[in-house]
PDB file of N, CA and C in Angstrom:
ATOM      1  N   UNK A   1     114.766 109.148  47.154  1.00  0.00           N
ATOM      2  CA  UNK A   1     114.618 109.886  48.390  1.00  0.00           C
ATOM      3  C   UNK A   1     115.069 109.034  49.567  1.00  0.00           C
ATOM      4  N   UNK A   2     114.644 107.786  49.566  1.00  0.00           N
ATOM      5  CA  UNK A   2     115.013 106.900  50.670  1.00  0.00           C
ATOM      6  C   UNK A   2     116.521 106.711  50.744  1.00  0.00           C
ATOM      7  N   UNK A   3     117.168 106.569  49.603  1.00  0.00           N
ATOM      8  CA  UNK A   3     118.625 106.403  49.589  1.00  0.00           C
ATOM      9  C   UNK A   3     119.322 107.657  50.114  1.00  0.00           C
ATOM     10  N   UNK A   4     118.821 108.826  49.731  1.00  0.00           N
ATOM     11  CA  UNK A   4     119.417 110.078  50.206  1.00  0.00           C
ATOM     12  C   UNK A   4     119.262 110.219  51.724  1.00  0.00           C
ATOM     13  N   UNK A   5     118.096 109.893  52.241  1.00  0.00           N
ATOM     14  CA  UNK A   5     117.882 109.943  53.692  1.00  0.00           C
ATOM     15  C   UNK A   5     118.797 108.948  54.388  1.00  0.00           C
ATOM     16  N   UNK A   6     118.881 107.750  53.828  1.00  0.00           N
ATOM     17  CA  UNK A   6     119.712 106.708  54.423  1.00  0.00           C
ATOM     18  C   UNK A   6     121.187 107.132  54.488  1.00  0.00           C
ATOM     19  N   UNK A   7     121.670 107.797  53.430  1.00  0.00           N
ATOM     20  CA  UNK A   7     123.072 108.253  53.398  1.00  0.00           C
ATOM     21  C   UNK A   7     123.364 109.274  54.502  1.00  0.00           C
ATOM     22  N   UNK A   8     122.409 110.125  54.807  1.00  0.00           N
ATOM     23  CA  UNK A   8     122.609 111.218  55.769  1.00  0.00           C
ATOM     24  C   UNK A   8     121.914 110.963  57.110  1.00  0.00           C
ATOM     25  N   UNK A   9     121.409 109.766  57.317  1.00  0.00           N
ATOM     26  CA  UNK A   9     120.593 109.471  58.495  1.00  0.00           C
ATOM     27  C   UNK A   9     121.308 109.807  59.810  1.00  0.00           C
ATOM     28  N   UNK A  10     122.582 109.520  59.903  1.00  0.00           N
ATOM     29  CA  UNK A  10     123.337 109.758  61.147  1.00  0.00           C
ATOM     30  C   UNK A  10     123.683 111.228  61.347  1.00  0.00           C
ATOM     31  N   UNK A  11     123.617 112.021  60.289  1.00  0.00           N
ATOM     32  CA  UNK A  11     124.048 113.416  60.354  1.00  0.00           C
ATOM     33  C   UNK A  11     122.983 114.400  60.824  1.00  0.00           C
ATOM     34  N   UNK A  12     121.709 114.008  60.785  1.00  0.00           N
ATOM     35  CA  UNK A  12     120.624 114.940  61.090  1.00  0.00           C
ATOM     36  C   UNK A  12     119.632 114.346  62.080  1.00  0.00           C
ATOM     37  N   UNK A  13     118.924 115.234  62.788  1.00  0.00           N
ATOM     38  CA  UNK A  13     117.923 114.803  63.771  1.00  0.00           C
ATOM     39  C   UNK A  13     116.566 114.536  63.145  1.00  0.00           C
ATOM     40  N   UNK A  14     116.326 115.048  61.955  1.00  0.00           N
ATOM     41  CA  UNK A  14     115.064 114.860  61.263  1.00  0.00           C
ATOM     42  C   UNK A  14     115.195 115.298  59.820  1.00  0.00           C
ATOM     43  N   UNK A  15     114.194 114.962  59.017  1.00  0.00           N
ATOM     44  CA  UNK A  15     114.242 115.250  57.589  1.00  0.00           C
ATOM     45  C   UNK A  15     112.921 115.851  57.131  1.00  0.00           C
ATOM     46  N   UNK A  16     113.013 116.839  56.238  1.00  0.00           N
ATOM     47  CA  UNK A  16     111.832 117.440  55.607  1.00  0.00           C
ATOM     48  C   UNK A  16     111.996 117.276  54.111  1.00  0.00           C
ATOM     49  N   UNK A  17     110.953 116.760  53.473  1.00  0.00           N
ATOM     50  CA  UNK A  17     110.937 116.574  52.026  1.00  0.00           C
ATOM     51  C   UNK A  17     109.852 117.473  51.455  1.00  0.00           C
ATOM     52  N   UNK A  18     110.238 118.376  50.563  1.00  0.00           N
ATOM     53  CA  UNK A  18     109.274 119.235  49.870  1.00  0.00           C
ATOM     54  C   UNK A  18     108.878 118.499  48.597  1.00  0.00           C
ATOM     55  N   UNK A  19     107.577 118.326  48.405  1.00  0.00           N
ATOM     56  CA  UNK A  19     107.081 117.415  47.379  1.00  0.00           C
ATOM     57  C   UNK A  19     105.854 118.025  46.701  1.00  0.00           C
ATOM     58  N   UNK A  20     105.627 117.681  45.470  1.00  0.00           N
ATOM     59  CA  UNK A  20     104.393 118.066  44.791  1.00  0.00           C
ATOM     60  C   UNK A  20     103.210 117.379  45.455  1.00  0.00           C
ATOM     61  N   UNK A  21     102.073 118.051  45.496  1.00  0.00           N
ATOM     62  CA  UNK A  21     100.945 117.530  46.271  1.00  0.00           C
ATOM     63  C   UNK A  21     100.193 116.379  45.608  1.00  0.00           C
ATOM     64  N   UNK A  22     100.232 116.282  44.286  1.00  0.00           N
ATOM     65  CA  UNK A  22      99.431 115.248  43.628  1.00  0.00           C
ATOM     66  C   UNK A  22      99.846 113.828  44.003  1.00  0.00           C
ATOM     67  N   UNK A  23     101.127 113.595  44.232  1.00  0.00           N
ATOM     68  CA  UNK A  23     101.597 112.247  44.566  1.00  0.00           C
ATOM     69  C   UNK A  23     102.252 112.165  45.948  1.00  0.00           C
ATOM     70  N   UNK A  24     102.132 113.210  46.732  1.00  0.00           N
ATOM     71  CA  UNK A  24     102.782 113.246  48.041  1.00  0.00           C
ATOM     72  C   UNK A  24     102.257 112.164  48.984  1.00  0.00           C
ATOM     73  N   UNK A  25     100.977 111.873  48.965  1.00  0.00           N
ATOM     74  CA  UNK A  25     100.427 110.832  49.833  1.00  0.00           C
ATOM     75  C   UNK A  25     100.994 109.461  49.472  1.00  0.00           C
ATOM     76  N   UNK A  26     101.171 109.200  48.196  1.00  0.00           N
ATOM     77  CA  UNK A  26     101.761 107.923  47.763  1.00  0.00           C
ATOM     78  C   UNK A  26     103.211 107.818  48.241  1.00  0.00           C
ATOM     79  N   UNK A  27     103.962 108.901  48.094  1.00  0.00           N
ATOM     80  CA  UNK A  27     105.360 108.901  48.521  1.00  0.00           C
ATOM     81  C   UNK A  27     105.466 108.722  50.026  1.00  0.00           C
ATOM     82  N   UNK A  28     104.629 109.406  50.775  1.00  0.00           N
ATOM     83  CA  UNK A  28     104.700 109.269  52.239  1.00  0.00           C
ATOM     84  C   UNK A  28     104.360 107.842  52.666  1.00  0.00           C
ATOM     85  N   UNK A  29     103.422 107.236  51.993  1.00  0.00           N
ATOM     86  CA  UNK A  29     103.090 105.840  52.307  1.00  0.00           C
ATOM     87  C   UNK A  29     104.249 104.908  51.974  1.00  0.00           C
ATOM     88  N   UNK A  30     104.812 105.063  50.793  1.00  0.00           N
ATOM     89  CA  UNK A  30     105.941 104.207  50.388  1.00  0.00           C
ATOM     90  C   UNK A  30     107.122 104.371  51.344  1.00  0.00           C
ATOM     91  N   UNK A  31     107.456 105.613  51.689  1.00  0.00           N
ATOM     92  CA  UNK A  31     108.563 105.849  52.609  1.00  0.00           C
ATOM     93  C   UNK A  31     108.290 105.259  53.990  1.00  0.00           C
ATOM     94  N   UNK A  32     107.033 105.272  54.403  1.00  0.00           N
ATOM     95  CA  UNK A  32     106.718 104.717  55.722  1.00  0.00           C
ATOM     96  C   UNK A  32     106.975 103.216  55.779  1.00  0.00           C
ATOM     97  N   UNK A  33     106.860 102.532  54.648  1.00  0.00           N
ATOM     98  CA  UNK A  33     107.169 101.105  54.615  1.00  0.00           C
ATOM     99  C   UNK A  33     108.663 100.854  54.395  1.00  0.00           C
ATOM    100  N   UNK A  34     109.330 101.772  53.710  1.00  0.00           N
ATOM    101  CA  UNK A  34     110.779 101.645  53.541  1.00  0.00           C
ATOM    102  C   UNK A  34     111.513 101.909  54.855  1.00  0.00           C
ATOM    103  N   UNK A  35     111.018 102.878  55.634  1.00  0.00           N
ATOM    104  CA  UNK A  35     111.571 103.176  56.955  1.00  0.00           C
ATOM    105  C   UNK A  35     110.543 102.715  57.982  1.00  0.00           C
ATOM    106  N   UNK A  36     110.445 101.419  58.134  1.00  0.00           N
ATOM    107  CA  UNK A  36     109.391 100.823  58.951  1.00  0.00           C
ATOM    108  C   UNK A  36     109.400 101.314  60.401  1.00  0.00           C
ATOM    109  N   UNK A  37     110.574 101.432  60.989  1.00  0.00           N
ATOM    110  CA  UNK A  37     110.671 101.907  62.372  1.00  0.00           C
ATOM    111  C   UNK A  37     111.788 102.946  62.496  1.00  0.00           C
ATOM    112  N   UNK A  38     111.584 104.128  61.884  1.00  0.00           N
ATOM    113  CA  UNK A  38     112.642 105.145  61.999  1.00  0.00           C
ATOM    114  C   UNK A  38     112.710 105.692  63.415  1.00  0.00           C
ATOM    115  N   UNK A  39     113.870 106.103  63.821  1.00  0.00           N
ATOM    116  CA  UNK A  39     114.056 106.733  65.134  1.00  0.00           C
ATOM    117  C   UNK A  39     114.003 108.249  65.017  1.00  0.00           C
ATOM    118  N   UNK A  40     113.904 108.743  63.792  1.00  0.00           N
ATOM    119  CA  UNK A  40     113.904 110.179  63.537  1.00  0.00           C
ATOM    120  C   UNK A  40     112.696 110.544  62.681  1.00  0.00           C
ATOM    121  N   UNK A  41     112.200 111.783  62.818  1.00  0.00           N
ATOM    122  CA  UNK A  41     111.061 112.202  62.000  1.00  0.00           C
ATOM    123  C   UNK A  41     111.449 112.437  60.537  1.00  0.00           C
ATOM    124  N   UNK A  42     110.580 111.984  59.662  1.00  0.00           N
ATOM    125  CA  UNK A  42     110.682 112.244  58.225  1.00  0.00           C
ATOM    126  C   UNK A  42     109.344 112.877  57.837  1.00  0.00           C
ATOM    127  N   UNK A  43     109.375 114.155  57.487  1.00  0.00           N
ATOM    128  CA  UNK A  43     108.144 114.914  57.265  1.00  0.00           C
ATOM    129  C   UNK A  43     108.073 115.381  55.812  1.00  0.00           C
ATOM    130  N   UNK A  44     106.973 115.057  55.138  1.00  0.00           N
ATOM    131  CA  UNK A  44     106.747 115.542  53.780  1.00  0.00           C
ATOM    132  C   UNK A  44     105.785 116.715  53.821  1.00  0.00           C
ATOM    133  N   UNK A  45     105.986 117.667  52.919  1.00  0.00           N
ATOM    134  CA  UNK A  45     105.073 118.790  52.808  1.00  0.00           C
ATOM    135  C   UNK A  45     105.125 119.353  51.392  1.00  0.00           C
ATOM    136  N   UNK A  46     104.200 120.208  51.078  1.00  0.00           N
ATOM    137  CA  UNK A  46     104.122 120.860  49.775  1.00  0.00           C
ATOM    138  C   UNK A  46     103.131 122.000  49.881  1.00  0.00           C
ATOM    139  N   UNK A  47     102.609 122.445  48.746  1.00  0.00           N
ATOM    140  CA  UNK A  47     101.635 123.538  48.780  1.00  0.00           C
ATOM    141  C   UNK A  47     100.671 123.431  47.605  1.00  0.00           C
ATOM    142  N   UNK A  48      99.501 123.965  47.806  1.00  0.00           N
ATOM    143  CA  UNK A  48      98.502 124.033  46.751  1.00  0.00           C
ATOM    144  C   UNK A  48      98.810 125.190  45.793  1.00  0.00           C
ATOM    145  N   UNK A  49      99.345 126.274  46.342  1.00  0.00           N
ATOM    146  CA  UNK A  49      99.681 127.461  45.550  1.00  0.00           C
ATOM    147  C   UNK A  49     101.183 127.709  45.700  1.00  0.00           C
ATOM    148  N   UNK A  50     101.927 127.823  44.606  1.00  0.00           N
ATOM    149  CA  UNK A  50     103.373 128.034  44.695  1.00  0.00           C
ATOM    150  C   UNK A  50     103.724 129.283  45.510  1.00  0.00           C
ATOM    151  N   UNK A  51     104.903 129.256  46.122  1.00  0.00           N
ATOM    152  CA  UNK A  51     105.356 130.368  46.947  1.00  0.00           C
ATOM    153  C   UNK A  51     105.659 131.610  46.105  1.00  0.00           C
ATOM    154  N   UNK A  52     106.145 131.403  44.876  1.00  0.00           N
ATOM    155  CA  UNK A  52     106.507 132.507  43.997  1.00  0.00           C
ATOM    156  C   UNK A  52     105.807 132.367  42.653  1.00  0.00           C
ATOM    157  N   UNK A  53     105.559 133.493  41.990  1.00  0.00           N
ATOM    158  CA  UNK A  53     105.004 133.439  40.641  1.00  0.00           C
ATOM    159  C   UNK A  53     106.151 133.348  39.630  1.00  0.00           C
ATOM    160  N   UNK A  54     105.852 133.426  38.372  1.00  0.00           N
ATOM    161  CA  UNK A  54     106.870 133.284  37.329  1.00  0.00           C
ATOM    162  C   UNK A  54     107.927 134.391  37.349  1.00  0.00           C
ATOM    163  N   UNK A  55     107.596 135.541  37.903  1.00  0.00           N
ATOM    164  CA  UNK A  55     108.547 136.651  38.011  1.00  0.00           C
ATOM    165  C   UNK A  55     109.327 136.621  39.324  1.00  0.00           C
ATOM    166  N   UNK A  56     109.245 135.511  40.042  1.00  0.00           N
ATOM    167  CA  UNK A  56     109.908 135.319  41.337  1.00  0.00           C
ATOM    168  C   UNK A  56     109.433 136.313  42.388  1.00  0.00           C
ATOM    169  N   UNK A  57     108.204 136.778  42.249  1.00  0.00           N
ATOM    170  CA  UNK A  57     107.601 137.634  43.264  1.00  0.00           C
ATOM    171  C   UNK A  57     106.815 136.733  44.211  1.00  0.00           C
ATOM    172  N   UNK A  58     106.910 136.998  45.523  1.00  0.00           N
ATOM    173  CA  UNK A  58     106.160 136.176  46.481  1.00  0.00           C
ATOM    174  C   UNK A  58     104.656 136.260  46.245  1.00  0.00           C
ATOM    175  N   UNK A  59     103.986 135.136  46.406  1.00  0.00           N
ATOM    176  CA  UNK A  59     102.527 135.097  46.281  1.00  0.00           C
ATOM    177  C   UNK A  59     101.931 135.091  47.680  1.00  0.00           C
ATOM    178  N   UNK A  60     101.225 136.145  48.003  1.00  0.00           N
ATOM    179  CA  UNK A  60     100.661 136.321  49.340  1.00  0.00           C
ATOM    180  C   UNK A  60      99.684 135.198  49.688  1.00  0.00           C
ATOM    181  N   UNK A  61      98.935 134.710  48.717  1.00  0.00           N
ATOM    182  CA  UNK A  61      97.896 133.706  48.975  1.00  0.00           C
ATOM    183  C   UNK A  61      98.445 132.286  49.089  1.00  0.00           C
ATOM    184  N   UNK A  62      99.751 132.115  48.917  1.00  0.00           N
ATOM    185  CA  UNK A  62     100.364 130.792  48.942  1.00  0.00           C
ATOM    186  C   UNK A  62     100.351 130.179  50.338  1.00  0.00           C
ATOM    187  N   UNK A  63     100.145 128.883  50.376  1.00  0.00           N
ATOM    188  CA  UNK A  63     100.213 128.131  51.626  1.00  0.00           C
ATOM    189  C   UNK A  63     101.593 127.507  51.831  1.00  0.00           C
ATOM    190  N   UNK A  64     102.520 127.742  50.914  1.00  0.00           N
ATOM    191  CA  UNK A  64     103.843 127.113  50.955  1.00  0.00           C
ATOM    192  C   UNK A  64     104.629 127.487  52.210  1.00  0.00           C
ATOM    193  N   UNK A  65     104.648 128.748  52.557  1.00  0.00           N
ATOM    194  CA  UNK A  65     105.425 129.212  53.716  1.00  0.00           C
ATOM    195  C   UNK A  65     104.953 128.537  55.003  1.00  0.00           C
ATOM    196  N   UNK A  66     103.652 128.565  55.249  1.00  0.00           N
ATOM    197  CA  UNK A  66     103.121 127.969  56.476  1.00  0.00           C
ATOM    198  C   UNK A  66     103.367 126.462  56.525  1.00  0.00           C
ATOM    199  N   UNK A  67     103.200 125.795  55.384  1.00  0.00           N
ATOM    200  CA  UNK A  67     103.425 124.353  55.356  1.00  0.00           C
ATOM    201  C   UNK A  67     104.894 124.011  55.576  1.00  0.00           C
ATOM    202  N   UNK A  68     105.796 124.764  54.953  1.00  0.00           N
ATOM    203  CA  UNK A  68     107.220 124.497  55.128  1.00  0.00           C
ATOM    204  C   UNK A  68     107.668 124.772  56.565  1.00  0.00           C
ATOM    205  N   UNK A  69     107.258 125.894  57.122  1.00  0.00           N
ATOM    206  CA  UNK A  69     107.627 126.202  58.510  1.00  0.00           C
ATOM    207  C   UNK A  69     107.033 125.182  59.481  1.00  0.00           C
ATOM    208  N   UNK A  70     105.814 124.758  59.232  1.00  0.00           N
ATOM    209  CA  UNK A  70     105.189 123.739  60.074  1.00  0.00           C
ATOM    210  C   UNK A  70     105.923 122.409  60.000  1.00  0.00           C
ATOM    211  N   UNK A  71     106.347 122.028  58.797  1.00  0.00           N
ATOM    212  CA  UNK A  71     107.088 120.776  58.624  1.00  0.00           C
ATOM    213  C   UNK A  71     108.444 120.851  59.313  1.00  0.00           C
ATOM    214  N   UNK A  72     109.127 121.986  59.186  1.00  0.00           N
ATOM    215  CA  UNK A  72     110.420 122.161  59.854  1.00  0.00           C
ATOM    216  C   UNK A  72     110.259 122.092  61.370  1.00  0.00           C
ATOM    217  N   UNK A  73     109.227 122.732  61.870  1.00  0.00           N
ATOM    218  CA  UNK A  73     108.963 122.691  63.307  1.00  0.00           C
ATOM    219  C   UNK A  73     108.653 121.260  63.756  1.00  0.00           C
ATOM    220  N   UNK A  74     107.828 120.578  62.992  1.00  0.00           N
ATOM    221  CA  UNK A  74     107.468 119.201  63.341  1.00  0.00           C
ATOM    222  C   UNK A  74     108.685 118.292  63.345  1.00  0.00           C
ATOM    223  N   UNK A  75     109.570 118.451  62.384  1.00  0.00           N
ATOM    224  CA  UNK A  75     110.763 117.603  62.303  1.00  0.00           C
ATOM    225  C   UNK A  75     111.751 117.909  63.418  1.00  0.00           C
ATOM    226  N   UNK A  76     111.840 119.161  63.826  1.00  0.00           N
ATOM    227  CA  UNK A  76     112.846 119.539  64.807  1.00  0.00           C
ATOM    228  C   UNK A  76     112.385 119.608  66.239  1.00  0.00           C
ATOM    229  N   UNK A  77     111.085 119.859  66.465  1.00  0.00           N
ATOM    230  CA  UNK A  77     110.619 120.068  67.834  1.00  0.00           C
ATOM    231  C   UNK A  77     109.561 119.074  68.296  1.00  0.00           C
ATOM    232  N   UNK A  78     108.715 118.629  67.408  1.00  0.00           N
ATOM    233  CA  UNK A  78     107.688 117.671  67.793  1.00  0.00           C
ATOM    234  C   UNK A  78     108.288 116.269  67.811  1.00  0.00           C
ATOM    235  N   UNK A  79     109.151 116.010  66.837  1.00  0.00           N
ATOM    236  CA  UNK A  79     109.931 114.772  66.781  1.00  0.00           C
ATOM    237  C   UNK A  79     109.094 113.507  66.909  1.00  0.00           C
ATOM    238  N   UNK A  80     108.140 113.340  66.026  1.00  0.00           N
ATOM    239  CA  UNK A  80     107.398 112.082  65.932  1.00  0.00           C
ATOM    240  C   UNK A  80     108.265 111.146  65.111  1.00  0.00           C
ATOM    241  N   UNK A  81     108.741 110.057  65.682  1.00  0.00           N
ATOM    242  CA  UNK A  81     109.717 109.203  64.995  1.00  0.00           C
ATOM    243  C   UNK A  81     109.083 108.275  63.955  1.00  0.00           C
ATOM    244  N   UNK A  82     108.514 108.867  62.938  1.00  0.00           N
ATOM    245  CA  UNK A  82     107.943 108.097  61.832  1.00  0.00           C
ATOM    246  C   UNK A  82     107.798 109.006  60.621  1.00  0.00           C
ATOM    247  N   UNK A  83     107.371 108.439  59.517  1.00  0.00           N
ATOM    248  CA  UNK A  83     107.123 109.231  58.309  1.00  0.00           C
ATOM    249  C   UNK A  83     105.753 109.889  58.468  1.00  0.00           C
ATOM    250  N   UNK A  84     105.733 111.218  58.319  1.00  0.00           N
ATOM    251  CA  UNK A  84     104.488 111.961  58.439  1.00  0.00           C
ATOM    252  C   UNK A  84     104.340 112.924  57.265  1.00  0.00           C
ATOM    253  N   UNK A  85     103.158 113.498  57.163  1.00  0.00           N
ATOM    254  CA  UNK A  85     102.863 114.500  56.142  1.00  0.00           C
ATOM    255  C   UNK A  85     102.270 115.701  56.863  1.00  0.00           C
ATOM    256  N   UNK A  86     102.876 116.876  56.691  1.00  0.00           N
ATOM    257  CA  UNK A  86     102.359 118.103  57.298  1.00  0.00           C
ATOM    258  C   UNK A  86     101.705 118.940  56.213  1.00  0.00           C
ATOM    259  N   UNK A  87     100.444 119.295  56.430  1.00  0.00           N
ATOM    260  CA  UNK A  87      99.725 120.101  55.442  1.00  0.00           C
ATOM    261  C   UNK A  87      98.547 120.786  56.118  1.00  0.00           C
ATOM    262  N   UNK A  88      98.375 122.053  55.856  1.00  0.00           N
ATOM    263  CA  UNK A  88      97.257 122.849  56.368  1.00  0.00           C
ATOM    264  C   UNK A  88      97.080 122.682  57.872  1.00  0.00           C
ATOM    265  N   UNK A  89      98.167 122.871  58.608  1.00  0.00           N
ATOM    266  CA  UNK A  89      98.160 122.880  60.067  1.00  0.00           C
ATOM    267  C   UNK A  89      97.898 121.522  60.709  1.00  0.00           C
ATOM    268  N   UNK A  90      98.108 120.439  59.951  1.00  0.00           N
ATOM    269  CA  UNK A  90      97.884 119.098  60.491  1.00  0.00           C
ATOM    270  C   UNK A  90      99.054 118.183  60.166  1.00  0.00           C
ATOM    271  N   UNK A  91      99.354 117.278  61.109  1.00  0.00           N
ATOM    272  CA  UNK A  91     100.353 116.248  60.876  1.00  0.00           C
ATOM    273  C   UNK A  91      99.619 114.918  60.792  1.00  0.00           C
ATOM    274  N   UNK A  92      99.807 114.234  59.660  1.00  0.00           N
ATOM    275  CA  UNK A  92      99.167 112.941  59.411  1.00  0.00           C
ATOM    276  C   UNK A  92     100.204 111.829  59.399  1.00  0.00           C
ATOM    277  N   UNK A  93      99.785 110.626  59.761  1.00  0.00           N
ATOM    278  CA  UNK A  93     100.650 109.462  59.582  1.00  0.00           C
ATOM    279  C   UNK A  93     100.863 109.269  58.095  1.00  0.00           C
ATOM    280  N   UNK A  94     102.100 108.990  57.709  1.00  0.00           N
ATOM    281  CA  UNK A  94     102.450 108.891  56.299  1.00  0.00           C
ATOM    282  C   UNK A  94     101.723 107.825  55.526  1.00  0.00           C
ATOM    283  N   UNK A  95     101.357 106.746  56.176  1.00  0.00           N
ATOM    284  CA  UNK A  95     100.685 105.664  55.457  1.00  0.00           C
ATOM    285  C   UNK A  95      99.175 105.646  55.679  1.00  0.00           C
ATOM    286  N   UNK A  96      98.640 106.728  56.212  1.00  0.00           N
ATOM    287  CA  UNK A  96      97.201 106.809  56.453  1.00  0.00           C
ATOM    288  C   UNK A  96      96.547 108.024  55.812  1.00  0.00           C
ATOM    289  N   UNK A  97      97.277 108.742  54.976  1.00  0.00           N
ATOM    290  CA  UNK A  97      96.782 110.009  54.453  1.00  0.00           C
ATOM    291  C   UNK A  97      96.470 109.896  52.966  1.00  0.00           C
ATOM    292  N   UNK A  98      95.455 110.637  52.544  1.00  0.00           N
ATOM    293  CA  UNK A  98      95.098 110.716  51.122  1.00  0.00           C
ATOM    294  C   UNK A  98      94.876 112.181  50.753  1.00  0.00           C
ATOM    295  N   UNK A  99      95.054 112.481  49.481  1.00  0.00           N
ATOM    296  CA  UNK A  99      94.657 113.792  48.971  1.00  0.00           C
ATOM    297  C   UNK A  99      93.252 113.607  48.414  1.00  0.00           C
ATOM    298  N   UNK A 100      92.294 114.308  48.999  1.00  0.00           N
ATOM    299  CA  UNK A 100      90.912 114.097  48.611  1.00  0.00           C
ATOM    300  C   UNK A 100      90.315 115.218  47.788  1.00  0.00           C
ATOM    301  N   UNK A 101      91.028 116.350  47.656  1.00  0.00           N
ATOM    302  CA  UNK A 101      90.507 117.469  46.866  1.00  0.00           C
ATOM    303  C   UNK A 101      91.682 118.258  46.296  1.00  0.00           C
ATOM    304  N   UNK A 102      91.494 118.823  45.103  1.00  0.00           N
ATOM    305  CA  UNK A 102      92.567 119.579  44.446  1.00  0.00           C
ATOM    306  C   UNK A 102      92.410 121.084  44.526  1.00  0.00           C
ATOM    307  N   UNK A 103      91.249 121.576  44.899  1.00  0.00           N
ATOM    308  CA  UNK A 103      90.994 123.009  44.809  1.00  0.00           C
ATOM    309  C   UNK A 103      90.793 123.698  46.159  1.00  0.00           C
ATOM    310  N   UNK A 104      91.241 123.083  47.243  1.00  0.00           N
ATOM    311  CA  UNK A 104      91.133 123.684  48.568  1.00  0.00           C
ATOM    312  C   UNK A 104      92.467 123.549  49.298  1.00  0.00           C
ATOM    313  N   UNK A 105      92.704 124.426  50.244  1.00  0.00           N
ATOM    314  CA  UNK A 105      93.929 124.348  51.042  1.00  0.00           C
ATOM    315  C   UNK A 105      93.916 123.127  51.950  1.00  0.00           C
ATOM    316  N   UNK A 106      92.752 122.761  52.430  1.00  0.00           N
ATOM    317  CA  UNK A 106      92.585 121.588  53.284  1.00  0.00           C
ATOM    318  C   UNK A 106      92.424 120.358  52.383  1.00  0.00           C
ATOM    319  N   UNK A 107      93.511 119.966  51.713  1.00  0.00           N
ATOM    320  CA  UNK A 107      93.439 118.967  50.644  1.00  0.00           C
ATOM    321  C   UNK A 107      93.662 117.530  51.102  1.00  0.00           C
ATOM    322  N   UNK A 108      94.205 117.340  52.307  1.00  0.00           N
ATOM    323  CA  UNK A 108      94.549 116.000  52.768  1.00  0.00           C
ATOM    324  C   UNK A 108      93.732 115.612  53.989  1.00  0.00           C
ATOM    325  N   UNK A 109      93.512 114.314  54.133  1.00  0.00           N
ATOM    326  CA  UNK A 109      92.821 113.796  55.308  1.00  0.00           C
ATOM    327  C   UNK A 109      93.246 112.348  55.541  1.00  0.00           C
ATOM    328  N   UNK A 110      92.905 111.845  56.705  1.00  0.00           N
ATOM    329  CA  UNK A 110      93.076 110.434  57.035  1.00  0.00           C
ATOM    330  C   UNK A 110      91.676 109.894  57.311  1.00  0.00           C
ATOM    331  N   UNK A 111      91.099 109.179  56.367  1.00  0.00           N
ATOM    332  CA  UNK A 111      89.697 108.770  56.495  1.00  0.00           C
ATOM    333  C   UNK A 111      89.371 107.950  57.745  1.00  0.00           C
ATOM    334  N   UNK A 112      90.289 107.137  58.219  1.00  0.00           N
ATOM    335  CA  UNK A 112      89.969 106.240  59.328  1.00  0.00           C
ATOM    336  C   UNK A 112      90.701 106.553  60.621  1.00  0.00           C
ATOM    337  N   UNK A 113      91.433 107.657  60.643  1.00  0.00           N
ATOM    338  CA  UNK A 113      92.192 108.016  61.842  1.00  0.00           C
ATOM    339  C   UNK A 113      92.384 109.529  61.860  1.00  0.00           C
ATOM    340  N   UNK A 114      92.317 110.104  63.041  1.00  0.00           N
ATOM    341  CA  UNK A 114      92.504 111.545  63.194  1.00  0.00           C
ATOM    342  C   UNK A 114      93.961 111.926  62.924  1.00  0.00           C
ATOM    343  N   UNK A 115      94.224 113.190  62.568  1.00  0.00           N
ATOM    344  CA  UNK A 115      95.619 113.633  62.446  1.00  0.00           C
ATOM    345  C   UNK A 115      96.364 113.411  63.756  1.00  0.00           C
ATOM    346  N   UNK A 116      97.667 113.216  63.671  1.00  0.00           N
ATOM    347  CA  UNK A 116      98.461 113.041  64.887  1.00  0.00           C
ATOM    348  C   UNK A 116      98.445 114.298  65.738  1.00  0.00           C
ATOM    349  N   UNK A 117      98.556 115.463  65.083  1.00  0.00           N
ATOM    350  CA  UNK A 117      98.533 116.768  65.760  1.00  0.00           C
ATOM    351  C   UNK A 117      97.928 117.806  64.845  1.00  0.00           C
ATOM    352  N   UNK A 118      97.398 118.869  65.464  1.00  0.00           N
ATOM    353  CA  UNK A 118      96.912 120.025  64.715  1.00  0.00           C
ATOM    354  C   UNK A 118      97.460 121.290  65.353  1.00  0.00           C
ATOM    355  N   UNK A 119      97.763 122.278  64.517  1.00  0.00           N
ATOM    356  CA  UNK A 119      98.211 123.577  65.019  1.00  0.00           C
ATOM    357  C   UNK A 119      97.002 124.314  65.547  1.00  0.00           C
ATOM    358  N   UNK A 120      97.135 124.919  66.741  1.00  0.00           N
ATOM    359  CA  UNK A 120      96.009 125.669  67.287  1.00  0.00           C
ATOM    360  C   UNK A 120      96.009 127.092  66.745  1.00  0.00           C
ATOM    361  N   UNK A 121      95.089 127.890  67.213  1.00  0.00           N
ATOM    362  CA  UNK A 121      94.951 129.273  66.720  1.00  0.00           C
ATOM    363  C   UNK A 121      96.143 130.150  67.049  1.00  0.00           C
ATOM    364  N   UNK A 122      96.913 129.786  68.049  1.00  0.00           N
ATOM    365  CA  UNK A 122      98.075 130.582  68.429  1.00  0.00           C
ATOM    366  C   UNK A 122      99.300 130.214  67.613  1.00  0.00           C
ATOM    367  N   UNK A 123      99.185 129.206  66.725  1.00  0.00           N
ATOM    368  CA  UNK A 123     100.314 128.804  65.897  1.00  0.00           C
ATOM    369  C   UNK A 123     101.236 127.814  66.565  1.00  0.00           C
ATOM    370  N   UNK A 124     100.819 127.249  67.691  1.00  0.00           N
ATOM    371  CA  UNK A 124     101.654 126.288  68.403  1.00  0.00           C
ATOM    372  C   UNK A 124     101.111 124.886  68.188  1.00  0.00           C
ATOM    373  N   UNK A 125     102.009 123.923  68.110  1.00  0.00           N
ATOM    374  CA  UNK A 125     101.602 122.516  67.956  1.00  0.00           C
ATOM    375  C   UNK A 125     101.278 121.935  69.306  1.00  0.00           C
TER     376      UNK A 125
END
């Protein structure tokens, strides 16, 4: 992932990585040390429930759409120049986040620091 970002770093204003949730916190931490002082946002996101079922029908209960749109917005408009993780309406520092639960939408937290930003009720960051 780091090599791919590095190859295209000059071509884009920010990067979004869609990742499985079980190891996403580890990846965001590793990337934050590989890109110690990035000038562009690198945002990881994923979902607890897949966007589509096996028949390629959309799953209404999925959190994938909101997480992906939030990550895209964060990378393009919020522009925090570091590695972050967007999940369940929150942006976390990439090297300060953990997955603490597997069966809830609010699966990630930063035990010793608040999220960088949270989406309000109106859907704005």
